[in-house]
C-alpha cells in the first residue's frame, strides 16, 4: 500500500475519532444545553455545530475543483443566535461530516499531492486535510469542554476516567 493511501486511511480514522467525541457529548446534552451561553463572547454548542456545518460543506464540496470558500457560504451568520431542535442540530452535524467523509473516501493516492485552494491560498491536498483536521479538533474540543461545564458532576467521561490510567493500561497490556 502506498504512503498516500495510508495517509488517507489514517486521517479518516482521526476525523472519525473527533466526530465520535462530539457524538458522545451530544448524547449527554439537553436541547437547552446546545444553546446555552454564559456570555455574548462565547459561542454556544449550536453555533459551533452551525459553523462546522458551513465549513465542512464549503471545504469538501467539489474539494479538488473549486475554492474551499464557496460564494454561497455565509460564515458570519454561522455565529448568530438561532433556534431549532436538537434533532435539527444533529442533522447539521451529520450532513457536514458526511460531505467530508464522502470526499475523503473517494480521493485517490495521486490526489494527495495535487494543489487546491482555500480563499485563493494554494495548498497541497495533504496540507489542506491536516489544516481541517486541526480546525475540527479545535472545535470538537470546545464542544466537549462546554459540555463538561454544563453537565458538571453529571458528566460521563469520554476517555479514561481520572485515577484509572493504571487499570486502563493494564487492561491494554501496557507494562
Protein backbone atom coordinates (compact mmCIF):
# COMPACT_ATOMS: atom_id res chain seq x y z
CA UNK A 1 0.00 0.00 0.00
CA UNK A 2 1.28 3.47 -0.79
CA UNK A 3 2.10 6.18 1.71
CA UNK A 4 -0.70 8.32 0.25
CA UNK A 5 -3.32 5.62 0.80
CA UNK A 6 -2.00 5.01 4.34
CA UNK A 7 -2.20 8.77 4.97
CA UNK A 8 -5.82 8.94 3.79
CA UNK A 9 -6.83 5.92 5.89
CA UNK A 10 -5.11 7.44 8.94
CA UNK A 11 -6.72 10.87 8.64
CA UNK A 12 -10.15 9.32 8.12
CA UNK A 13 -9.66 7.38 11.37
CA UNK A 14 -8.58 10.58 13.16
CA UNK A 15 -11.57 12.52 11.86
CA UNK A 16 -13.86 9.66 12.93
CA UNK A 17 -12.40 9.76 16.44
CA UNK A 18 -13.04 13.50 16.78
CA UNK A 19 -16.56 13.18 15.40
CA UNK A 20 -17.21 10.39 17.94
CA UNK A 21 -16.20 12.72 20.80
CA UNK A 22 -18.82 15.20 19.62
CA UNK A 23 -21.41 12.44 19.20
CA UNK A 24 -20.80 11.16 22.74
CA UNK A 25 -21.04 14.69 24.12
CA UNK A 26 -24.36 15.32 22.36
CA UNK A 27 -25.95 12.26 23.98
CA UNK A 28 -25.40 13.90 27.37
CA UNK A 29 -26.92 17.27 26.45
CA UNK A 30 -30.47 18.57 26.62
CA UNK A 31 -31.84 20.74 23.86
CA UNK A 32 -31.35 23.80 26.09
CA UNK A 33 -27.70 22.87 26.67
CA UNK A 34 -26.95 23.24 22.95
CA UNK A 35 -27.99 26.90 23.07
CA UNK A 36 -26.52 27.87 26.46
CA UNK A 37 -24.11 30.82 26.52
CA UNK A 38 -22.55 32.27 29.64
CA UNK A 39 -21.58 35.46 27.79
CA UNK A 40 -22.04 37.22 24.46
CA UNK A 41 -18.44 36.41 23.54
CA UNK A 42 -18.92 32.67 24.00
CA UNK A 43 -20.32 30.62 21.13
CA UNK A 44 -22.98 28.11 22.06
CA UNK A 45 -22.53 24.49 21.06
CA UNK A 46 -25.29 25.09 18.49
CA UNK A 47 -23.26 27.92 16.96
CA UNK A 48 -20.17 25.73 16.80
CA UNK A 49 -22.18 22.98 15.09
CA UNK A 50 -23.61 25.53 12.65
CA UNK A 51 -20.12 26.88 11.93
CA UNK A 52 -18.66 23.41 11.46
CA UNK A 53 -21.51 22.50 9.10
CA UNK A 54 -20.82 25.59 6.99
CA UNK A 55 -17.09 24.92 6.98
CA UNK A 56 -17.43 21.19 6.26
CA UNK A 57 -19.83 21.76 3.35
CA UNK A 58 -17.81 24.64 1.93
CA UNK A 59 -14.41 22.98 2.19
CA UNK A 60 -15.34 19.49 1.00
CA UNK A 61 -17.90 20.18 -1.75
CA UNK A 62 -16.03 19.89 -5.06
CA UNK A 63 -12.84 19.71 -3.00
CA UNK A 64 -10.43 19.18 -5.90
CA UNK A 65 -12.06 21.56 -8.38
CA UNK A 66 -13.36 24.65 -6.52
CA UNK A 67 -12.02 27.04 -3.92
CA UNK A 68 -12.87 25.79 -0.43
CA UNK A 69 -14.54 29.08 0.50
CA UNK A 70 -17.74 28.90 -1.52
CA UNK A 71 -19.63 32.07 -2.53
CA UNK A 72 -22.85 30.61 -1.05
CA UNK A 73 -21.35 30.26 2.42
CA UNK A 74 -22.43 32.89 4.98
CA UNK A 75 -19.72 32.42 7.61
CA UNK A 76 -20.68 35.39 9.81
CA UNK A 77 -24.27 34.11 10.06
CA UNK A 78 -22.95 30.81 11.45
CA UNK A 79 -22.22 32.62 14.72
CA UNK A 80 -25.61 34.28 15.16
CA UNK A 81 -28.17 33.09 17.69
CA UNK A 82 -30.82 30.82 16.21
CA UNK A 83 -33.28 28.21 17.42
CA UNK A 84 -34.02 24.74 16.19
CA UNK A 85 -34.46 21.30 17.66
CA UNK A 86 -31.71 19.01 18.91
CA UNK A 87 -32.56 16.69 16.01
CA UNK A 88 -32.03 19.51 13.50
CA UNK A 89 -28.66 20.31 15.08
CA UNK A 90 -27.61 16.67 14.87
CA UNK A 91 -28.65 16.67 11.20
CA UNK A 92 -26.42 19.72 10.53
CA UNK A 93 -23.57 17.90 12.30
CA UNK A 94 -24.12 14.66 10.37
CA UNK A 95 -24.58 16.33 6.97
CA UNK A 96 -21.32 18.25 7.27
CA UNK A 97 -19.30 15.24 8.35
CA UNK A 98 -20.89 13.06 5.65
CA UNK A 99 -19.79 15.52 2.97
CA UNK A 100 -16.21 15.39 4.25
CA UNK A 101 -16.08 11.61 4.68
CA UNK A 102 -17.56 11.03 1.21
CA UNK A 103 -14.90 13.28 -0.29
CA UNK A 104 -12.02 11.74 1.65
CA UNK A 105 -13.10 8.18 0.88
CA UNK A 106 -13.18 8.98 -2.85
CA UNK A 107 -9.72 10.55 -3.01
CA UNK A 108 -7.05 8.55 -4.82
CA UNK A 109 -3.35 8.28 -4.00
CA UNK A 110 -2.46 10.64 -6.84
CA UNK A 111 -4.82 13.32 -5.44
CA UNK A 112 -2.82 13.76 -2.22
CA UNK A 113 -0.11 15.87 -3.90
CA UNK A 114 -2.48 17.99 -6.01
CA UNK A 115 -2.97 21.67 -5.27
CA UNK A 116 -6.32 23.00 -4.09
CA UNK A 117 -7.32 26.47 -2.91
CA UNK A 118 -8.91 27.87 0.23
CA UNK A 119 -9.66 31.60 -0.02
CA UNK A 120 -7.34 31.65 -3.05
CA UNK A 121 -4.42 30.29 -0.97
CA UNK A 122 -2.81 27.34 -2.76
CA UNK A 123 -2.43 24.25 -0.58
CA UNK A 124 -1.33 20.71 -1.28
CA UNK A 125 -4.23 18.33 -0.62
CA UNK A 126 -2.36 16.71 2.27
CA UNK A 127 -1.79 20.13 3.87
CA UNK A 128 -5.45 21.13 3.41
CA UNK A 129 -6.52 17.88 5.07
CA UNK A 130 -4.19 18.46 8.02
CA UNK A 131 -5.44 22.05 8.28
CA UNK A 132 -9.04 20.83 8.52
CA UNK A 133 -8.13 18.09 11.00
CA UNK A 134 -6.67 20.77 13.26
CA UNK A 135 -9.67 23.07 12.79
CA UNK A 136 -12.26 20.41 13.58
CA UNK A 137 -10.36 19.03 16.56
CA UNK A 138 -10.21 22.58 17.96
CA UNK A 139 -13.98 22.98 17.71
CA UNK A 140 -14.75 19.49 18.98
CA UNK A 141 -12.56 20.28 21.99
CA UNK A 142 -14.67 23.40 22.59
CA UNK A 143 -17.85 21.33 22.39
CA UNK A 144 -16.54 18.72 24.84
CA UNK A 145 -15.27 21.32 27.31
CA UNK A 146 -18.51 23.28 27.24
CA UNK A 147 -20.46 20.04 27.63
CA UNK A 148 -18.37 19.17 30.70
CA UNK A 149 -19.00 22.63 32.17
CA UNK A 150 -22.74 22.40 31.52
CA UNK A 151 -23.12 18.88 32.96
CA UNK A 152 -20.79 19.38 35.94
CA UNK A 153 -20.84 16.37 38.24
CA UNK A 154 -23.26 14.60 35.88
CA UNK A 155 -20.67 14.49 33.09
CA UNK A 156 -19.75 11.00 31.89
CA UNK A 157 -16.14 10.92 30.79
CA UNK A 158 -15.36 10.23 27.13
CA UNK A 159 -11.94 8.78 27.79
CA UNK A 160 -10.00 7.19 30.63
CA UNK A 161 -11.62 8.23 33.95
CA UNK A 162 -9.50 10.13 36.48
CA UNK A 163 -7.21 7.91 38.53
CA UNK A 164 -7.93 4.94 36.26
CA UNK A 165 -4.89 5.12 33.95
CA UNK A 166 -3.10 2.15 35.55
CA UNK A 167 -6.22 -0.03 35.27
CA UNK A 168 -6.69 1.01 31.64
CA UNK A 169 -3.05 0.42 30.76
CA UNK A 170 -3.10 -2.97 32.45
CA UNK A 171 -6.21 -4.00 30.53
CA UNK A 172 -4.46 -2.91 27.32
CA UNK A 173 -1.37 -4.97 28.20
CA UNK A 174 0.82 -1.90 28.77
CA UNK A 175 3.57 -2.54 31.29
